Amino acid sequence: MGRLRSLVNHEGFVPVHTKLAGEDLDFLADARDDLLRFSELGLRLFDLHQPRDAGGITSDSANPILRCRSCMWRWPCPTFRAMSESFGGGHDSTLPESG
């Protein structure tokens, strides 16, 4: 990040000298909105795939069996696990912080 900051000129901009096709400009114009919508989708998926008590009888009442409230797979469900791994969370079965 520090190397990129050194590109900022005294006016607060990074001068870009390159040839861009019309398609490139269209992509750049829509990229921020697309990224925001994709982020919202990820947050909504995390919200849907949360653990809930599966009910039933268990021999370990301190650690009840959990199931995903959306797909009903054992917790952590494959959707949550794949998203967690994609976002750098590894195999952690904790929930993302809501805010």
PDB file of N, CA and C in Angstrom:
ATOM      1  N   MET A   1       0.820  -1.185   0.000  1.00  0.00           N
ATOM      2  CA  MET A   1       0.000   0.000   0.000  1.00  0.00           C
ATOM      3  C   MET A   1       0.865   1.250   0.000  1.00  0.00           C
ATOM      4  N   GLY A   2       1.966   1.239   0.712  1.00  0.00           N
ATOM      5  CA  GLY A   2       2.856   2.386   0.772  1.00  0.00           C
ATOM      6  C   GLY A   2       3.418   2.753  -0.586  1.00  0.00           C
ATOM      7  N   ARG A   3       3.730   1.742  -1.388  1.00  0.00           N
ATOM      8  CA  ARG A   3       4.268   2.013  -2.729  1.00  0.00           C
ATOM      9  C   ARG A   3       3.238   2.728  -3.586  1.00  0.00           C
ATOM     10  N   LEU A   4       1.978   2.379  -3.441  1.00  0.00           N
ATOM     11  CA  LEU A   4       0.939   3.033  -4.231  1.00  0.00           C
ATOM     12  C   LEU A   4       0.704   4.465  -3.766  1.00  0.00           C
ATOM     13  N   ARG A   5       0.816   4.697  -2.470  1.00  0.00           N
ATOM     14  CA  ARG A   5       0.626   6.054  -1.937  1.00  0.00           C
ATOM     15  C   ARG A   5       1.663   7.025  -2.489  1.00  0.00           C
ATOM     16  N   SER A   6       2.835   6.525  -2.805  1.00  0.00           N
ATOM     17  CA  SER A   6       3.876   7.408  -3.331  1.00  0.00           C
ATOM     18  C   SER A   6       3.538   7.904  -4.741  1.00  0.00           C
ATOM     19  N   LEU A   7       2.552   7.302  -5.394  1.00  0.00           N
ATOM     20  CA  LEU A   7       2.148   7.741  -6.728  1.00  0.00           C
ATOM     21  C   LEU A   7       1.253   8.975  -6.701  1.00  0.00           C
ATOM     22  N   VAL A   8       0.700   9.307  -5.547  1.00  0.00           N
ATOM     23  CA  VAL A   8      -0.203  10.458  -5.423  1.00  0.00           C
ATOM     24  C   VAL A   8       0.611  11.739  -5.592  1.00  0.00           C
ATOM     25  N   ASN A   9       0.136  12.617  -6.478  1.00  0.00           N
ATOM     26  CA  ASN A   9       0.861  13.870  -6.729  1.00  0.00           C
ATOM     27  C   ASN A   9       0.457  14.941  -5.709  1.00  0.00           C
ATOM     28  N   HIS A  10       1.009  16.151  -5.839  1.00  0.00           N
ATOM     29  CA  HIS A  10       0.756  17.223  -4.871  1.00  0.00           C
ATOM     30  C   HIS A  10      -0.696  17.711  -4.891  1.00  0.00           C
ATOM     31  N   GLU A  11      -1.449  17.360  -5.944  1.00  0.00           N
ATOM     32  CA  GLU A  11      -2.864  17.731  -6.027  1.00  0.00           C
ATOM     33  C   GLU A  11      -3.780  16.655  -5.450  1.00  0.00           C
ATOM     34  N   GLY A  12      -3.197  15.551  -5.002  1.00  0.00           N
ATOM     35  CA  GLY A  12      -3.981  14.473  -4.397  1.00  0.00           C
ATOM     36  C   GLY A  12      -4.485  13.435  -5.374  1.00  0.00           C
ATOM     37  N   PHE A  13      -3.929  13.400  -6.572  1.00  0.00           N
ATOM     38  CA  PHE A  13      -4.358  12.448  -7.589  1.00  0.00           C
ATOM     39  C   PHE A  13      -3.185  11.606  -8.057  1.00  0.00           C
ATOM     40  N   VAL A  14      -3.505  10.459  -8.647  1.00  0.00           N
ATOM     41  CA  VAL A  14      -2.492   9.620  -9.282  1.00  0.00           C
ATOM     42  C   VAL A  14      -2.629   9.828 -10.781  1.00  0.00           C
ATOM     43  N   PRO A  15      -1.619  10.406 -11.418  1.00  0.00           N
ATOM     44  CA  PRO A  15      -1.712  10.605 -12.863  1.00  0.00           C
ATOM     45  C   PRO A  15      -1.622   9.258 -13.588  1.00  0.00           C
ATOM     46  N   VAL A  16      -2.542   9.039 -14.510  1.00  0.00           N
ATOM     47  CA  VAL A  16      -2.561   7.785 -15.270  1.00  0.00           C
ATOM     48  C   VAL A  16      -2.373   8.130 -16.736  1.00  0.00           C
ATOM     49  N   HIS A  17      -1.344   7.562 -17.313  1.00  0.00           N
ATOM     50  CA  HIS A  17      -1.051   7.797 -18.727  1.00  0.00           C
ATOM     51  C   HIS A  17      -1.133   6.448 -19.432  1.00  0.00           C
ATOM     52  N   THR A  18      -2.284   6.168 -19.990  1.00  0.00           N
ATOM     53  CA  THR A  18      -2.481   4.898 -20.669  1.00  0.00           C
ATOM     54  C   THR A  18      -3.590   5.049 -21.697  1.00  0.00           C
ATOM     55  N   LYS A  19      -3.677   4.106 -22.580  1.00  0.00           N
ATOM     56  CA  LYS A  19      -4.750   4.093 -23.568  1.00  0.00           C
ATOM     57  C   LYS A  19      -5.825   3.142 -23.066  1.00  0.00           C
ATOM     58  N   LEU A  20      -7.038   3.646 -22.967  1.00  0.00           N
ATOM     59  CA  LEU A  20      -8.157   2.832 -22.514  1.00  0.00           C
ATOM     60  C   LEU A  20      -9.200   2.719 -23.615  1.00  0.00           C
ATOM     61  N   ALA A  21      -9.703   1.527 -23.824  1.00  0.00           N
ATOM     62  CA  ALA A  21     -10.785   1.314 -24.782  1.00  0.00           C
ATOM     63  C   ALA A  21     -12.108   1.736 -24.130  1.00  0.00           C
ATOM     64  N   GLY A  22     -13.101   1.945 -24.937  1.00  0.00           N
ATOM     65  CA  GLY A  22     -14.420   2.318 -24.423  1.00  0.00           C
ATOM     66  C   GLY A  22     -14.956   1.287 -23.449  1.00  0.00           C
ATOM     67  N   GLU A  23     -14.710  -0.001 -23.740  1.00  0.00           N
ATOM     68  CA  GLU A  23     -15.167  -1.071 -22.839  1.00  0.00           C
ATOM     69  C   GLU A  23     -14.477  -0.984 -21.487  1.00  0.00           C
ATOM     70  N   ASP A  24     -13.213  -0.594 -21.476  1.00  0.00           N
ATOM     71  CA  ASP A  24     -12.479  -0.442 -20.218  1.00  0.00           C
ATOM     72  C   ASP A  24     -13.090   0.673 -19.374  1.00  0.00           C
ATOM     73  N   LEU A  25     -13.430   1.779 -20.011  1.00  0.00           N
ATOM     74  CA  LEU A  25     -14.044   2.883 -19.282  1.00  0.00           C
ATOM     75  C   LEU A  25     -15.412   2.489 -18.724  1.00  0.00           C
ATOM     76  N   ASP A  26     -16.185   1.737 -19.520  1.00  0.00           N
ATOM     77  CA  ASP A  26     -17.485   1.261 -19.033  1.00  0.00           C
ATOM     78  C   ASP A  26     -17.307   0.354 -17.824  1.00  0.00           C
ATOM     79  N   PHE A  27     -16.302  -0.547 -17.903  1.00  0.00           N
ATOM     80  CA  PHE A  27     -16.029  -1.449 -16.785  1.00  0.00           C
ATOM     81  C   PHE A  27     -15.665  -0.660 -15.533  1.00  0.00           C
ATOM     82  N   LEU A  28     -14.764   0.286 -15.660  1.00  0.00           N
ATOM     83  CA  LEU A  28     -14.337   1.078 -14.504  1.00  0.00           C
ATOM     84  C   LEU A  28     -15.479   1.904 -13.933  1.00  0.00           C
ATOM     85  N   ALA A  29     -16.350   2.409 -14.795  1.00  0.00           N
ATOM     86  CA  ALA A  29     -17.473   3.215 -14.327  1.00  0.00           C
ATOM     87  C   ALA A  29     -18.450   2.384 -13.498  1.00  0.00           C
ATOM     88  N   ASP A  30     -18.610   1.105 -13.845  1.00  0.00           N
ATOM     89  CA  ASP A  30     -19.572   0.245 -13.144  1.00  0.00           C
ATOM     90  C   ASP A  30     -18.953  -0.581 -12.026  1.00  0.00           C
ATOM     91  N   ALA A  31     -17.628  -0.632 -11.954  1.00  0.00           N
ATOM     92  CA  ALA A  31     -16.950  -1.539 -11.025  1.00  0.00           C
ATOM     93  C   ALA A  31     -17.299  -1.266  -9.571  1.00  0.00           C
ATOM     94  N   ARG A  32     -17.355  -0.031  -9.153  1.00  0.00           N
ATOM     95  CA  ARG A  32     -17.639   0.273  -7.748  1.00  0.00           C
ATOM     96  C   ARG A  32     -19.037  -0.191  -7.362  1.00  0.00           C
ATOM     97  N   ASP A  33     -20.030   0.132  -8.193  1.00  0.00           N
ATOM     98  CA  ASP A  33     -21.396  -0.297  -7.896  1.00  0.00           C
ATOM     99  C   ASP A  33     -21.513  -1.815  -7.891  1.00  0.00           C
ATOM    100  N   ASP A  34     -20.855  -2.476  -8.839  1.00  0.00           N
ATOM    101  CA  ASP A  34     -20.879  -3.938  -8.889  1.00  0.00           C
ATOM    102  C   ASP A  34     -20.266  -4.542  -7.627  1.00  0.00           C
ATOM    103  N   LEU A  35     -19.142  -3.979  -7.195  1.00  0.00           N
ATOM    104  CA  LEU A  35     -18.479  -4.484  -6.000  1.00  0.00           C
ATOM    105  C   LEU A  35     -19.341  -4.281  -4.755  1.00  0.00           C
ATOM    106  N   LEU A  36     -20.002  -3.144  -4.658  1.00  0.00           N
ATOM    107  CA  LEU A  36     -20.898  -2.905  -3.517  1.00  0.00           C
ATOM    108  C   LEU A  36     -22.061  -3.891  -3.517  1.00  0.00           C
ATOM    109  N   ARG A  37     -22.657  -4.140  -4.678  1.00  0.00           N
ATOM    110  CA  ARG A  37     -23.761  -5.110  -4.754  1.00  0.00           C
ATOM    111  C   ARG A  37     -23.283  -6.518  -4.413  1.00  0.00           C
ATOM    112  N   PHE A  38     -22.089  -6.881  -4.878  1.00  0.00           N
ATOM    113  CA  PHE A  38     -21.545  -8.204  -4.569  1.00  0.00           C
ATOM    114  C   PHE A  38     -21.275  -8.344  -3.069  1.00  0.00           C
ATOM    115  N   SER A  39     -20.783  -7.286  -2.454  1.00  0.00           N
ATOM    116  CA  SER A  39     -20.545  -7.300  -1.002  1.00  0.00           C
ATOM    117  C   SER A  39     -21.857  -7.465  -0.245  1.00  0.00           C
ATOM    118  N   GLU A  40     -22.894  -6.765  -0.681  1.00  0.00           N
ATOM    119  CA  GLU A  40     -24.206  -6.903  -0.047  1.00  0.00           C
ATOM    120  C   GLU A  40     -24.730  -8.324  -0.173  1.00  0.00           C
ATOM    121  N   LEU A  41     -24.508  -8.947  -1.329  1.00  0.00           N
ATOM    122  CA  LEU A  41     -24.919 -10.332  -1.521  1.00  0.00           C
ATOM    123  C   LEU A  41     -24.212 -11.239  -0.520  1.00  0.00           C
ATOM    124  N   GLY A  42     -22.906 -11.062  -0.365  1.00  0.00           N
ATOM    125  CA  GLY A  42     -22.159 -11.878   0.597  1.00  0.00           C
ATOM    126  C   GLY A  42     -22.680 -11.708   2.008  1.00  0.00           C
ATOM    127  N   LEU A  43     -22.967 -10.481   2.412  1.00  0.00           N
ATOM    128  CA  LEU A  43     -23.505 -10.243   3.761  1.00  0.00           C
ATOM    129  C   LEU A  43     -24.875 -10.875   3.933  1.00  0.00           C
ATOM    130  N   ARG A  44     -25.693 -10.819   2.887  1.00  0.00           N
ATOM    131  CA  ARG A  44     -27.019 -11.441   2.974  1.00  0.00           C
ATOM    132  C   ARG A  44     -26.903 -12.962   3.081  1.00  0.00           C
ATOM    133  N   LEU A  45     -25.970 -13.553   2.343  1.00  0.00           N
ATOM    134  CA  LEU A  45     -25.765 -15.003   2.434  1.00  0.00           C
ATOM    135  C   LEU A  45     -25.272 -15.399   3.823  1.00  0.00           C
ATOM    136  N   PHE A  46     -24.341 -14.612   4.377  1.00  0.00           N
ATOM    137  CA  PHE A  46     -23.883 -14.890   5.738  1.00  0.00           C
ATOM    138  C   PHE A  46     -25.043 -14.772   6.721  1.00  0.00           C
ATOM    139  N   ASP A  47     -25.920 -13.811   6.505  1.00  0.00           N
ATOM    140  CA  ASP A  47     -27.072 -13.627   7.387  1.00  0.00           C
ATOM    141  C   ASP A  47     -28.030 -14.811   7.293  1.00  0.00           C
ATOM    142  N   LEU A  48     -28.218 -15.350   6.089  1.00  0.00           N
ATOM    143  CA  LEU A  48     -29.111 -16.500   5.918  1.00  0.00           C
ATOM    144  C   LEU A  48     -28.537 -17.768   6.543  1.00  0.00           C
ATOM    145  N   HIS A  49     -27.247 -17.970   6.412  1.00  0.00           N
ATOM    146  CA  HIS A  49     -26.609 -19.204   6.867  1.00  0.00           C
ATOM    147  C   HIS A  49     -25.970 -18.988   8.235  1.00  0.00           C
ATOM    148  N   GLN A  50     -26.797 -19.105   9.260  1.00  0.00           N
ATOM    149  CA  GLN A  50     -26.368 -18.971  10.648  1.00  0.00           C
ATOM    150  C   GLN A  50     -26.788 -20.219  11.418  1.00  0.00           C
ATOM    151  N   PRO A  51     -26.090 -20.502  12.500  1.00  0.00           N
ATOM    152  CA  PRO A  51     -26.431 -21.710  13.255  1.00  0.00           C
ATOM    153  C   PRO A  51     -27.683 -21.527  14.094  1.00  0.00           C
ATOM    154  N   ARG A  52     -28.352 -22.636  14.329  1.00  0.00           N
ATOM    155  CA  ARG A  52     -29.460 -22.667  15.276  1.00  0.00           C
ATOM    156  C   ARG A  52     -29.458 -24.030  15.946  1.00  0.00           C
ATOM    157  N   ASP A  53     -30.021 -24.095  17.109  1.00  0.00           N
ATOM    158  CA  ASP A  53     -30.096 -25.342  17.857  1.00  0.00           C
ATOM    159  C   ASP A  53     -30.942 -26.328  17.065  1.00  0.00           C
ATOM    160  N   ALA A  54     -30.416 -27.516  16.860  1.00  0.00           N
ATOM    161  CA  ALA A  54     -31.125 -28.522  16.082  1.00  0.00           C
ATOM    162  C   ALA A  54     -32.210 -29.205  16.895  1.00  0.00           C
ATOM    163  N   GLY A  55     -32.238 -28.937  18.189  1.00  0.00           N
ATOM    164  CA  GLY A  55     -33.224 -29.610  19.033  1.00  0.00           C
ATOM    165  C   GLY A  55     -32.815 -31.056  19.250  1.00  0.00           C
ATOM    166  N   GLY A  56     -33.671 -31.800  19.819  1.00  0.00           N
ATOM    167  CA  GLY A  56     -33.381 -33.207  20.034  1.00  0.00           C
ATOM    168  C   GLY A  56     -32.603 -33.442  21.314  1.00  0.00           C
ATOM    169  N   ILE A  57     -32.319 -34.682  21.540  1.00  0.00           N
ATOM    170  CA  ILE A  57     -31.628 -35.103  22.761  1.00  0.00           C
ATOM    171  C   ILE A  57     -30.138 -35.215  22.474  1.00  0.00           C
ATOM    172  N   THR A  58     -29.339 -34.702  23.407  1.00  0.00           N
ATOM    173  CA  THR A  58     -27.894 -34.801  23.270  1.00  0.00           C
ATOM    174  C   THR A  58     -27.284 -35.163  24.612  1.00  0.00           C
ATOM    175  N   SER A  59     -26.163 -35.855  24.573  1.00  0.00           N
ATOM    176  CA  SER A  59     -25.500 -36.239  25.814  1.00  0.00           C
ATOM    177  C   SER A  59     -24.627 -35.109  26.351  1.00  0.00           C
ATOM    178  N   ASP A  60     -24.382 -34.095  25.544  1.00  0.00           N
ATOM    179  CA  ASP A  60     -23.555 -32.966  25.945  1.00  0.00           C
ATOM    180  C   ASP A  60     -24.387 -31.686  25.855  1.00  0.00           C
ATOM    181  N   SER A  61     -25.089 -31.359  26.924  1.00  0.00           N
ATOM    182  CA  SER A  61     -25.994 -30.214  26.899  1.00  0.00           C
ATOM    183  C   SER A  61     -25.248 -28.879  26.776  1.00  0.00           C
ATOM    184  N   ALA A  62     -23.961 -28.850  27.103  1.00  0.00           N
ATOM    185  CA  ALA A  62     -23.182 -27.617  26.980  1.00  0.00           C
ATOM    186  C   ALA A  62     -22.832 -27.319  25.517  1.00  0.00           C
ATOM    187  N   ASN A  63     -22.816 -28.339  24.682  1.00  0.00           N
ATOM    188  CA  ASN A  63     -22.506 -28.188  23.259  1.00  0.00           C
ATOM    189  C   ASN A  63     -23.587 -28.849  22.407  1.00  0.00           C
ATOM    190  N   PRO A  64     -24.727 -28.193  22.275  1.00  0.00           N
ATOM    191  CA  PRO A  64     -25.819 -28.816  21.514  1.00  0.00           C
ATOM    192  C   PRO A  64     -25.461 -28.920  20.025  1.00  0.00           C
ATOM    193  N   ILE A  65     -26.106 -29.832  19.354  1.00  0.00           N
ATOM    194  CA  ILE A  65     -25.905 -29.985  17.921  1.00  0.00           C
ATOM    195  C   ILE A  65     -26.555 -28.795  17.237  1.00  0.00           C
ATOM    196  N   LEU A  66     -25.799 -28.174  16.342  1.00  0.00           N
ATOM    197  CA  LEU A  66     -26.297 -27.005  15.624  1.00  0.00           C
ATOM    198  C   LEU A  66     -26.514 -27.349  14.167  1.00  0.00           C
ATOM    199  N   ARG A  67     -27.530 -26.718  13.580  1.00  0.00           N
ATOM    200  CA  ARG A  67     -27.809 -26.836  12.152  1.00  0.00           C
ATOM    201  C   ARG A  67     -27.956 -25.442  11.577  1.00  0.00           C
ATOM    202  N   CYS A  68     -27.694 -25.325  10.277  1.00  0.00           N
ATOM    203  CA  CYS A  68     -27.864 -24.044   9.597  1.00  0.00           C
ATOM    204  C   CYS A  68     -29.356 -23.720   9.542  1.00  0.00           C
ATOM    205  N   ARG A  69     -29.704 -22.492   9.870  1.00  0.00           N
ATOM    206  CA  ARG A  69     -31.124 -22.139   9.896  1.00  0.00           C
ATOM    207  C   ARG A  69     -31.712 -22.034   8.494  1.00  0.00           C
ATOM    208  N   SER A  70     -30.877 -21.986   7.464  1.00  0.00           N
ATOM    209  CA  SER A  70     -31.383 -21.864   6.107  1.00  0.00           C
ATOM    210  C   SER A  70     -31.424 -23.212   5.388  1.00  0.00           C
ATOM    211  N   CYS A  71     -30.298 -23.905   5.331  1.00  0.00           N
ATOM    212  CA  CYS A  71     -30.239 -25.150   4.559  1.00  0.00           C
ATOM    213  C   CYS A  71     -30.360 -26.404   5.427  1.00  0.00           C
ATOM    214  N   MET A  72     -30.292 -26.242   6.746  1.00  0.00           N
ATOM    215  CA  MET A  72     -30.455 -27.318   7.731  1.00  0.00           C
ATOM    216  C   MET A  72     -29.325 -28.358   7.726  1.00  0.00           C
ATOM    217  N   TRP A  73     -28.200 -28.068   7.080  1.00  0.00           N
ATOM    218  CA  TRP A  73     -27.029 -28.934   7.196  1.00  0.00           C
ATOM    219  C   TRP A  73     -26.449 -28.750   8.591  1.00  0.00           C
ATOM    220  N   ARG A  74     -25.648 -29.719   9.039  1.00  0.00           N
ATOM    221  CA  ARG A  74     -24.952 -29.551  10.318  1.00  0.00           C
ATOM    222  C   ARG A  74     -24.029 -28.355  10.228  1.00  0.00           C
ATOM    223  N   TRP A  75     -23.922 -27.646  11.341  1.00  0.00           N
ATOM    224  CA  TRP A  75     -23.120 -26.423  11.378  1.00  0.00           C
ATOM    225  C   TRP A  75     -21.651 -26.729  11.561  1.00  0.00           C
ATOM    226  N   PRO A  76     -20.752 -26.078  10.843  1.00  0.00           N
ATOM    227  CA  PRO A  76     -20.997 -25.073   9.820  1.00  0.00           C
ATOM    228  C   PRO A  76     -21.387 -25.723   8.501  1.00  0.00           C
ATOM    229  N   CYS A  77     -22.397 -25.166   7.856  1.00  0.00           N
ATOM    230  CA  CYS A  77     -22.898 -25.729   6.601  1.00  0.00           C
ATOM    231  C   CYS A  77     -21.882 -25.486   5.474  1.00  0.00           C
ATOM    232  N   PRO A  78     -22.011 -26.231   4.374  1.00  0.00           N
ATOM    233  CA  PRO A  78     -21.066 -26.066   3.267  1.00  0.00           C
ATOM    234  C   PRO A  78     -21.033 -24.638   2.704  1.00  0.00           C
ATOM    235  N   THR A  79     -22.172 -23.959   2.672  1.00  0.00           N
ATOM    236  CA  THR A  79     -22.203 -22.587   2.150  1.00  0.00           C
ATOM    237  C   THR A  79     -21.397 -21.664   3.045  1.00  0.00           C
ATOM    238  N   PHE A  80     -21.637 -21.731   4.353  1.00  0.00           N
ATOM    239  CA  PHE A  80     -20.898 -20.871   5.275  1.00  0.00           C
ATOM    240  C   PHE A  80     -19.410 -21.196   5.229  1.00  0.00           C
ATOM    241  N   ARG A  81     -19.078 -22.484   5.187  1.00  0.00           N
ATOM    242  CA  ARG A  81     -17.679 -22.897   5.169  1.00  0.00           C
ATOM    243  C   ARG A  81     -16.969 -22.383   3.917  1.00  0.00           C
ATOM    244  N   ALA A  82     -17.615 -22.500   2.749  1.00  0.00           N
ATOM    245  CA  ALA A  82     -17.012 -22.036   1.508  1.00  0.00           C
ATOM    246  C   ALA A  82     -16.824 -20.521   1.531  1.00  0.00           C
ATOM    247  N   MET A  83     -17.809 -19.805   2.026  1.00  0.00           N
ATOM    248  CA  MET A  83     -17.688 -18.349   2.081  1.00  0.00           C
ATOM    249  C   MET A  83     -16.616 -17.938   3.080  1.00  0.00           C
ATOM    250  N   SER A  84     -16.572 -18.599   4.201  1.00  0.00           N
ATOM    251  CA  SER A  84     -15.582 -18.280   5.218  1.00  0.00           C
ATOM    252  C   SER A  84     -14.168 -18.516   4.696  1.00  0.00           C
ATOM    253  N   GLU A  85     -13.963 -19.620   3.989  1.00  0.00           N
ATOM    254  CA  GLU A  85     -12.655 -19.910   3.419  1.00  0.00           C
ATOM    255  C   GLU A  85     -12.300 -18.901   2.335  1.00  0.00           C
ATOM    256  N   SER A  86     -13.267 -18.500   1.526  1.00  0.00           N
ATOM    257  CA  SER A  86     -13.022 -17.535   0.454  1.00  0.00           C
ATOM    258  C   SER A  86     -12.624 -16.169   0.991  1.00  0.00           C
ATOM    259  N   PHE A  87     -13.184 -15.799   2.137  1.00  0.00           N
ATOM    260  CA  PHE A  87     -12.886 -14.501   2.719  1.00  0.00           C
ATOM    261  C   PHE A  87     -11.741 -14.565   3.721  1.00  0.00           C
ATOM    262  N   GLY A  88     -10.994 -15.675   3.717  1.00  0.00           N
ATOM    263  CA  GLY A  88      -9.805 -15.773   4.546  1.00  0.00           C
ATOM    264  C   GLY A  88     -10.065 -16.241   5.960  1.00  0.00           C
ATOM    265  N   GLY A  89     -11.256 -16.763   6.231  1.00  0.00           N
ATOM    266  CA  GLY A  89     -11.586 -17.189   7.585  1.00  0.00           C
ATOM    267  C   GLY A  89     -11.176 -18.615   7.899  1.00  0.00           C
ATOM    268  N   GLY A  90     -10.672 -19.346   6.924  1.00  0.00           N
ATOM    269  CA  GLY A  90     -10.295 -20.740   7.163  1.00  0.00           C
ATOM    270  C   GLY A  90     -11.509 -21.577   7.493  1.00  0.00           C
ATOM    271  N   HIS A  91     -11.368 -22.517   8.418  1.00  0.00           N
ATOM    272  CA  HIS A  91     -12.470 -23.409   8.795  1.00  0.00           C
ATOM    273  C   HIS A  91     -13.175 -22.920  10.049  1.00  0.00           C
ATOM    274  N   ASP A  92     -13.030 -21.671  10.389  1.00  0.00           N
ATOM    275  CA  ASP A  92     -13.644 -21.114  11.592  1.00  0.00           C
ATOM    276  C   ASP A  92     -15.150 -21.154  11.465  1.00  0.00           C
ATOM    277  N   SER A  93     -15.844 -21.612  12.485  1.00  0.00           N
ATOM    278  CA  SER A  93     -17.299 -21.710  12.429  1.00  0.00           C
ATOM    279  C   SER A  93     -17.983 -20.580  13.176  1.00  0.00           C
ATOM    280  N   THR A  94     -17.266 -19.506  13.436  1.00  0.00           N
ATOM    281  CA  THR A  94     -17.892 -18.375  14.116  1.00  0.00           C
ATOM    282  C   THR A  94     -18.626 -17.521  13.098  1.00  0.00           C
ATOM    283  N   LEU A  95     -19.525 -16.731  13.593  1.00  0.00           N
ATOM    284  CA  LEU A  95     -20.309 -15.848  12.741  1.00  0.00           C
ATOM    285  C   LEU A  95     -19.564 -14.555  12.483  1.00  0.00           C
ATOM    286  N   PRO A  96     -19.816 -13.926  11.338  1.00  0.00           N
ATOM    287  CA  PRO A  96     -19.233 -12.624  11.103  1.00  0.00           C
ATOM    288  C   PRO A  96     -19.877 -11.611  12.046  1.00  0.00           C
ATOM    289  N   GLU A  97     -19.132 -10.559  12.394  1.00  0.00           N
ATOM    290  CA  GLU A  97     -19.686  -9.542  13.261  1.00  0.00           C
ATOM    291  C   GLU A  97     -20.755  -8.781  12.502  1.00  0.00           C
ATOM    292  N   SER A  98     -21.904  -8.595  13.127  1.00  0.00           N
ATOM    293  CA  SER A  98     -22.950  -7.812  12.485  1.00  0.00           C
ATOM    294  C   SER A  98     -22.851  -6.384  12.978  1.00  0.00           C
ATOM    295  N   GLY A  99     -23.195  -5.465  12.101  1.00  0.00           N
ATOM    296  CA  GLY A  99     -23.039  -4.081  12.496  1.00  0.00           C
ATOM    297  C   GLY A  99     -24.034  -3.183  11.887  1.00  0.00           C
TER     298      GLY A  99
END
